[in-house]
Amino acid sequence: MTYKAGIIGTGGIAGMGILGMHDEEDIGQKKVEASHAGGYRATEDVDLVAVADIDETKLGRFGEAWEIPSDRRYVGHESMLAAEDLDIVSVCTPSYLHADHVIDAAESAADPGLIWCEKPIASSVSDAEEMVDVCEETDTELLVNHSFRFTTKLQQLRELIQNQDLLGEIHSVTTQFRMELLRNSTHLLDTLVYLLDARAERVSGYITGENEAVDSLEAEERVDDAGGGGFVVMDDGSFVTIDCTIPREASSMTLQFIGSKGKLYLNNDDGEWRYWRLDDGTHVEADLPGIEGAWTWDEDYRDAFANAAADVVSVLDGTIENPSTGEEATRSLEIIIGLYVSHHTGGQVSVPLAQPLRDVTVTSW
């Protein structure tokens, strides 16, 4: 069966290039395969048939680059959802619009079986919960594009940690990545909760107020999103420190795990993964069983979109479970919102967030 897909939003992640990942002169001008549209094109069982945006110039450029017929380029997502019969809808708009666009798609005449939503899932926990509820009520799968989950090496590593007891009881995790928390660091925090299969219980945060995206994207509006960090106590007992205050140019995405049976160092920017097993109180470096080499942006991230699109097909076919549900995506969002709330109240925050804290909204590009 061939599934029909439509995309809401024609920015970088939809298929026109991402700041910091591609040549600046190409961004917004040329199609980029590491994207939703590229994932669909890499998958024989999906046809990208329609696209929508409120910016007619961007819409035209995207349509030309990805060869979408002019009569299926819609000004505004409502027009596309009313006119098209779609199996899949990608939501590739800024995160503060995700809730509206996901809910509109789930309740629309287009009647998609699956919505592939960009990360982070939403700008508030209550929005994320409403998205999950509406998708459940309309029998629509909500799959969130936390790209690392769709890479083979990270899937193998999770298997080693969760099912083969690679590290034993995890005591501590130290993490670092670039600002801003919602726009970038959601990658880091979803990787954390994915590998631990855990949820935050207590959060203490600090927000710097710095945001590189507004200037680099030449954005006309300012957003709340900023660099920040703090500590998190997870429900598996692990203690996690988070430093996402670092400028893009100087940053590396790193996680270091210390457990009762060993320790693990991951540096996804420099392509270095190292593992030490604990033997009689001594850490002995060893190979990660079954994993060759380290995760890299150039290879693993590039392939994540095709892998995700293939998983979209498999979820619709009923051959696999959704690997990145809205419920799981909310786990990393809870941490981010908790960091903001903690900073502005001067106290620690318990998770699940109580009302009205679930309504706290942090806007981001």
Protein backbone atom coordinates (compact mmCIF):
# COMPACT_ATOMS: atom_id res chain seq x y z
CA MET A 1 0.00 0.00 0.00
CA THR A 2 1.19 3.53 -0.78
CA TYR A 3 0.35 6.17 1.82
CA LYS A 4 -0.34 9.82 0.96
CA ALA A 5 1.43 12.49 3.03
CA GLY A 6 1.06 16.22 3.45
CA ILE A 7 3.32 18.68 5.28
CA ILE A 8 2.31 21.71 7.35
CA GLY A 9 5.15 24.24 7.36
CA THR A 10 7.86 24.63 4.71
CA GLY A 11 10.84 25.58 6.87
CA GLY A 12 14.16 23.87 7.36
CA ILE A 13 13.09 20.63 8.99
CA ALA A 14 10.37 20.13 6.40
CA GLY A 15 12.97 19.96 3.66
CA MET A 16 14.80 23.23 3.05
CA GLY A 17 17.85 23.06 5.33
CA ILE A 18 18.68 23.61 8.98
CA LEU A 19 20.87 26.30 10.49
CA GLY A 20 24.16 24.83 11.70
CA MET A 21 23.69 21.64 9.67
CA HIS A 22 23.78 22.90 6.08
CA ASP A 23 25.42 25.63 3.98
CA GLU A 24 23.79 28.94 4.82
CA GLU A 25 23.39 29.96 1.18
CA ASP A 26 21.39 26.77 0.52
CA ILE A 27 19.00 27.11 3.46
CA GLY A 28 15.53 27.95 2.20
CA GLN A 29 16.67 27.68 -1.40
CA LYS A 30 17.48 24.02 -2.04
CA LYS A 31 15.94 20.76 -0.89
CA VAL A 32 17.76 18.81 1.83
CA GLU A 33 17.30 15.07 2.21
CA ALA A 34 17.71 15.04 6.01
CA SER A 35 14.14 16.23 6.50
CA HIS A 36 10.51 15.12 6.56
CA ALA A 37 10.20 15.47 2.80
CA GLY A 38 13.50 13.63 2.33
CA GLY A 39 12.33 10.84 4.60
CA TYR A 40 9.19 10.42 2.53
CA ARG A 41 11.16 10.40 -0.73
CA ALA A 42 13.45 7.70 0.68
CA THR A 43 10.44 5.50 1.45
CA GLU A 44 8.78 3.70 -1.47
CA ASP A 45 5.50 3.36 0.39
CA VAL A 46 4.87 7.11 0.85
CA ASP A 47 3.97 9.78 -1.71
CA LEU A 48 4.35 13.40 -0.60
CA VAL A 49 1.33 14.92 -2.36
CA ALA A 50 0.58 18.25 -0.65
CA VAL A 51 2.11 21.04 1.40
CA ALA A 52 0.80 24.07 3.30
CA ASP A 53 2.27 27.32 4.64
CA ILE A 54 1.04 30.85 5.34
CA ASP A 55 4.12 32.32 3.60
CA GLU A 56 3.45 32.08 -0.14
CA THR A 57 7.08 32.74 -1.08
CA LYS A 58 8.37 29.90 1.08
CA LEU A 59 5.53 27.71 -0.09
CA GLY A 60 6.48 28.30 -3.72
CA ARG A 61 10.15 27.58 -3.14
CA PHE A 62 9.38 24.37 -1.29
CA GLY A 63 6.88 23.27 -3.92
CA GLU A 64 9.36 23.83 -6.74
CA ALA A 65 12.22 22.14 -4.90
CA TRP A 66 10.18 19.08 -3.97
CA GLU A 67 8.07 18.99 -7.15
CA ILE A 68 4.68 19.48 -5.50
CA PRO A 69 2.04 20.46 -8.09
CA SER A 70 0.99 24.10 -7.78
CA ASP A 71 -2.64 23.15 -7.16
CA ARG A 72 -1.58 21.13 -4.10
CA ARG A 73 0.37 23.94 -2.48
CA TYR A 74 -2.03 25.41 0.05
CA VAL A 75 -1.91 28.82 1.71
CA GLY A 76 -2.80 27.86 5.27
CA HIS A 77 -3.04 24.39 6.74
CA GLU A 78 -6.83 24.54 7.01
CA SER A 79 -7.14 24.60 3.21
CA MET A 80 -4.96 21.52 2.81
CA LEU A 81 -6.74 19.57 5.53
CA ALA A 82 -10.13 20.39 4.03
CA ALA A 83 -9.21 19.48 0.46
CA GLU A 84 -6.94 16.46 0.81
CA ASP A 85 -7.46 12.85 1.88
CA LEU A 86 -4.21 12.10 3.72
CA ASP A 87 -2.80 9.09 5.52
CA ILE A 88 0.05 11.05 7.13
CA VAL A 89 0.44 14.68 8.13
CA SER A 90 3.82 16.15 9.08
CA VAL A 91 3.75 19.14 11.42
CA CYS A 92 6.94 21.14 10.79
CA THR A 93 5.96 24.52 12.21
CA PRO A 94 7.47 26.36 15.22
CA SER A 95 6.86 24.49 18.45
CA TYR A 96 4.33 26.99 19.82
CA LEU A 97 2.08 26.08 16.88
CA HIS A 98 2.37 22.30 17.23
CA ALA A 99 -0.68 21.84 19.44
CA ASP A 100 -3.01 23.78 17.14
CA HIS A 101 -1.75 22.08 14.01
CA VAL A 102 -1.72 18.53 15.42
CA ILE A 103 -5.23 18.92 16.87
CA ASP A 104 -6.54 20.50 13.67
CA ALA A 105 -5.07 17.65 11.61
CA ALA A 106 -6.41 14.93 13.91
CA GLU A 107 -9.93 16.39 13.81
CA SER A 108 -9.91 17.30 10.11
CA ALA A 109 -11.62 15.87 7.07
CA ALA A 110 -8.18 14.75 5.85
CA ASP A 111 -8.48 12.01 8.50
CA PRO A 112 -4.80 11.01 8.77
CA GLY A 113 -3.93 7.72 10.43
CA LEU A 114 -0.68 9.19 11.75
CA ILE A 115 0.71 12.63 12.52
CA TRP A 116 4.50 12.98 12.41
CA CYS A 117 5.16 16.02 14.63
CA GLU A 118 8.48 17.78 14.98
CA LYS A 119 10.15 17.98 18.36
CA PRO A 120 9.56 19.30 20.96
CA ILE A 121 6.00 18.07 21.14
CA ALA A 122 4.62 21.40 22.41
CA SER A 123 5.32 24.58 24.37
CA SER A 124 3.42 23.50 27.49
CA VAL A 125 2.66 20.22 29.18
CA SER A 126 -1.09 20.85 29.05
CA ASP A 127 -0.87 21.36 25.27
CA ALA A 128 1.06 18.10 24.93
CA GLU A 129 -1.52 16.26 27.01
CA GLU A 130 -4.37 17.69 24.91
CA MET A 131 -2.59 16.61 21.71
CA VAL A 132 -2.24 13.08 23.07
CA ASP A 133 -5.89 13.00 24.18
CA VAL A 134 -7.29 14.28 20.88
CA CYS A 135 -5.17 11.84 18.87
CA GLU A 136 -6.42 9.00 21.04
CA GLU A 137 -10.04 10.12 20.65
CA THR A 138 -9.70 10.33 16.84
CA ASP A 139 -7.72 7.07 16.58
CA THR A 140 -4.69 8.94 15.20
CA GLU A 141 -1.15 7.85 15.97
CA LEU A 142 1.01 10.73 17.21
CA LEU A 143 4.69 10.12 16.45
CA VAL A 144 7.15 12.80 17.62
CA ASN A 145 10.34 13.34 15.65
CA HIS A 146 12.99 12.89 18.33
CA SER A 147 15.52 11.87 15.69
CA PHE A 148 17.93 9.94 17.91
CA ARG A 149 15.28 7.29 18.59
CA PHE A 150 15.33 6.40 14.90
CA THR A 151 19.06 5.68 14.74
CA THR A 152 20.37 2.13 14.96
CA LYS A 153 23.26 2.82 17.35
CA LEU A 154 21.05 4.47 19.95
CA GLN A 155 18.51 1.67 19.69
CA GLN A 156 21.31 -0.85 20.23
CA LEU A 157 22.62 1.12 23.20
CA ARG A 158 19.19 1.25 24.82
CA GLU A 159 18.92 -2.52 24.44
CA LEU A 160 22.29 -2.93 26.19
CA ILE A 161 21.32 -0.61 29.05
CA GLN A 162 17.72 -1.71 29.56
CA ASN A 163 17.73 -5.42 28.72
CA GLN A 164 21.33 -6.55 29.04
CA ASP A 165 22.18 -4.62 32.22
CA LEU A 166 25.28 -3.00 30.71
CA LEU A 167 25.65 -0.43 33.50
CA GLY A 168 23.68 -2.06 36.30
CA GLU A 169 21.89 0.42 38.57
CA ILE A 170 22.55 3.87 37.15
CA HIS A 171 23.63 6.28 39.88
CA SER A 172 24.49 9.46 38.01
CA VAL A 173 24.34 11.06 34.57
CA THR A 174 26.15 14.23 33.48
CA THR A 175 24.91 15.92 30.31
CA GLN A 176 25.87 18.91 28.14
CA PHE A 177 24.59 20.44 24.92
CA ARG A 178 23.99 23.79 23.26
CA MET A 179 21.34 26.36 24.07
CA GLU A 180 18.33 26.77 23.62
CA LEU A 181 16.42 24.30 25.81
CA LEU A 182 13.32 23.69 23.68
CA ARG A 183 14.80 24.23 20.23
CA ASN A 184 18.00 22.20 20.67
CA SER A 185 18.37 20.58 24.07
CA THR A 186 15.17 18.58 23.68
CA HIS A 187 17.42 16.23 21.65
CA LEU A 188 19.63 15.71 24.70
CA LEU A 189 16.80 15.30 27.19
CA ASP A 190 14.79 12.89 25.06
CA THR A 191 17.96 10.82 24.59
CA LEU A 192 18.31 10.80 28.37
CA VAL A 193 14.78 9.60 29.11
CA TYR A 194 14.93 7.14 26.18
CA LEU A 195 18.11 5.45 27.42
CA LEU A 196 17.01 5.44 31.06
CA ASP A 197 13.35 4.64 30.28
CA ALA A 198 12.61 6.93 33.21
CA ARG A 199 10.66 10.05 34.12
CA ALA A 200 11.73 13.06 36.16
CA GLU A 201 10.54 13.29 39.77
CA ARG A 202 12.21 16.53 40.89
CA VAL A 203 13.74 19.40 38.92
CA SER A 204 15.88 22.39 39.92
CA GLY A 205 16.82 24.85 37.20
CA TYR A 206 18.67 27.96 36.08
CA ILE A 207 17.88 29.93 32.91
CA THR A 208 20.50 32.21 31.31
CA GLY A 209 18.16 34.25 29.13
CA GLU A 210 20.53 33.85 26.16
CA ASN A 211 19.08 32.86 22.78
CA GLU A 212 21.18 32.50 19.63
CA ALA A 213 18.29 31.53 17.35
CA VAL A 214 16.53 34.89 17.19
CA ASP A 215 19.53 36.64 15.65
CA SER A 216 20.80 33.76 13.52
CA LEU A 217 17.33 33.06 12.10
CA GLU A 218 16.70 36.80 11.59
CA ALA A 219 13.42 36.25 13.40
CA GLU A 220 11.00 39.14 13.62
CA GLU A 221 9.66 38.00 17.00
CA ARG A 222 11.42 37.16 20.22
CA VAL A 223 10.65 33.95 22.07
CA ASP A 224 11.03 32.75 25.66
CA ASP A 225 13.41 29.89 24.90
CA ALA A 226 16.95 30.26 26.26
CA GLY A 227 19.98 28.43 27.52
CA GLY A 228 19.76 26.80 30.90
CA GLY A 229 20.47 23.83 33.09
CA GLY A 230 20.16 22.37 36.55
CA PHE A 231 19.66 18.99 38.10
CA VAL A 232 16.97 16.33 37.82
CA VAL A 233 16.19 13.38 40.10
CA MET A 234 14.68 10.60 37.99
CA ASP A 235 12.13 8.04 39.13
CA ASP A 236 14.73 5.27 38.77
CA GLY A 237 16.83 7.01 41.45
CA SER A 238 19.48 8.41 39.11
CA PHE A 239 20.77 11.95 39.64
CA VAL A 240 21.20 13.97 36.44
CA THR A 241 23.01 17.25 35.87
CA ILE A 242 22.15 19.29 32.78
CA ASP A 243 24.24 22.07 31.23
CA CYS A 244 22.62 23.51 28.11
CA THR A 245 24.08 27.01 28.38
CA ILE A 246 26.74 26.56 25.71
CA PRO A 247 26.87 28.50 22.40
CA ARG A 248 26.45 26.32 19.31
CA GLU A 249 29.99 26.93 18.03
CA ALA A 250 31.58 25.68 21.27
CA SER A 251 29.14 22.91 22.16
CA SER A 252 29.30 19.14 22.06
CA MET A 253 26.41 16.82 22.86
CA THR A 254 27.78 14.67 25.68
CA LEU A 255 26.33 12.27 28.23
CA GLN A 256 28.29 10.38 30.89
CA PHE A 257 26.59 7.55 32.81
CA ILE A 258 27.97 6.00 36.00
CA GLY A 259 26.39 2.76 37.15
CA SER A 260 26.99 -0.08 39.58
CA LYS A 261 28.51 -2.24 36.80
CA GLY A 262 30.35 0.31 34.67
CA LYS A 263 30.46 3.76 33.11
CA LEU A 264 29.74 5.13 29.66
CA TYR A 265 30.81 8.30 27.84
CA LEU A 266 28.98 9.52 24.73
CA ASN A 267 30.13 12.49 22.64
CA ASN A 268 27.93 12.72 19.58
CA ASP A 269 29.61 15.79 18.09
CA ASP A 270 33.15 14.39 18.17
CA GLY A 271 32.03 10.86 17.34
CA GLU A 272 33.41 9.22 20.48
CA TRP A 273 31.63 6.56 22.53
CA ARG A 274 33.63 4.87 25.33
CA TYR A 275 32.63 2.18 27.82
CA TRP A 276 34.32 0.84 30.97
CA ARG A 277 33.06 -2.21 32.88
CA LEU A 278 33.58 -2.27 36.65
CA ASP A 279 35.72 -5.23 37.75
CA ASP A 280 36.44 -5.53 41.48
CA GLY A 281 36.37 -1.79 41.97
CA THR A 282 38.43 -0.99 38.87
CA HIS A 283 37.06 0.45 35.65
CA VAL A 284 38.37 -1.51 32.66
CA GLU A 285 37.79 -0.07 29.20
CA ALA A 286 36.04 -2.43 26.78
CA ASP A 287 34.16 -2.40 23.48
CA LEU A 288 30.42 -1.79 23.49
CA PRO A 289 28.95 -5.20 22.60
CA GLY A 290 27.55 -5.24 19.08
CA ILE A 291 28.09 -1.53 18.35
CA GLU A 292 30.75 -0.48 15.86
CA GLY A 293 31.91 3.09 16.14
CA ALA A 294 30.15 6.09 17.65
CA TRP A 295 27.03 8.04 16.73
CA THR A 296 27.68 11.00 14.40
CA TRP A 297 25.58 13.81 12.99
CA ASP A 298 26.95 13.26 9.48
CA GLU A 299 25.86 9.63 9.24
CA ASP A 300 23.38 8.66 11.93
CA TYR A 301 21.39 11.90 12.05
CA ARG A 302 21.30 12.04 8.25
CA ASP A 303 19.74 8.59 8.12
CA ALA A 304 17.27 9.24 10.96
CA PHE A 305 14.62 10.81 8.73
CA ALA A 306 14.49 7.91 6.29
CA ASN A 307 14.40 5.54 9.27
CA ALA A 308 11.59 7.53 10.88
CA ALA A 309 9.56 7.58 7.66
CA ALA A 310 10.01 3.81 7.37
CA ASP A 311 8.77 3.47 10.96
CA VAL A 312 5.77 5.67 10.09
CA VAL A 313 4.87 3.14 7.40
CA SER A 314 5.39 0.21 9.77
CA VAL A 315 3.21 1.81 12.45
CA LEU A 316 0.44 2.36 9.89
CA ASP A 317 0.88 -1.22 8.64
CA GLY A 318 0.55 -2.44 12.24
CA THR A 319 3.89 -4.27 12.21
CA ILE A 320 5.60 -2.20 14.96
CA GLU A 321 4.58 -0.17 17.99
CA ASN A 322 5.00 3.59 17.86
CA PRO A 323 8.67 4.18 18.88
CA SER A 324 8.22 7.84 19.86
CA THR A 325 4.79 8.47 21.33
CA GLY A 326 3.35 11.74 22.55
CA GLU A 327 3.35 10.40 26.10
CA GLU A 328 7.09 9.72 25.95
CA ALA A 329 7.83 13.06 24.27
CA THR A 330 6.09 14.78 27.19
CA ARG A 331 8.74 13.36 29.55
CA SER A 332 11.49 15.58 28.14
CA LEU A 333 9.12 18.56 27.91
CA GLU A 334 8.28 18.19 31.62
CA ILE A 335 11.98 18.55 32.45
CA ILE A 336 12.36 21.68 30.32
CA ILE A 337 9.26 23.37 31.72
CA GLY A 338 10.38 22.34 35.21
CA LEU A 339 13.74 24.08 34.69
CA TYR A 340 11.96 27.32 33.73
CA VAL A 341 9.47 27.15 36.60
CA SER A 342 12.21 26.38 39.12
CA HIS A 343 14.32 29.31 37.94
CA HIS A 344 11.49 31.82 38.15
CA THR A 345 10.11 30.60 41.48
CA GLY A 346 13.45 29.96 43.17
CA GLY A 347 12.43 26.48 44.29
CA GLN A 348 12.50 22.86 43.24
CA VAL A 349 9.64 21.50 41.15
CA SER A 350 7.97 18.11 41.46
CA VAL A 351 6.98 16.07 38.40
CA PRO A 352 4.28 15.34 37.23
CA LEU A 353 3.70 19.09 37.26
CA ALA A 354 0.68 20.23 39.25
CA GLN A 355 -1.88 22.65 37.86
CA PRO A 356 -1.45 25.44 36.95
CA LEU A 357 2.19 24.62 36.19
CA ARG A 358 1.17 22.33 33.33
CA ASP A 359 -0.14 25.45 31.59
CA VAL A 360 3.21 27.28 31.73
CA THR A 361 4.13 28.08 28.12
CA VAL A 362 7.65 28.59 26.77
CA THR A 363 7.72 29.82 23.18
CA SER A 364 10.51 28.73 20.85
CA TRP A 365 11.47 28.54 17.21
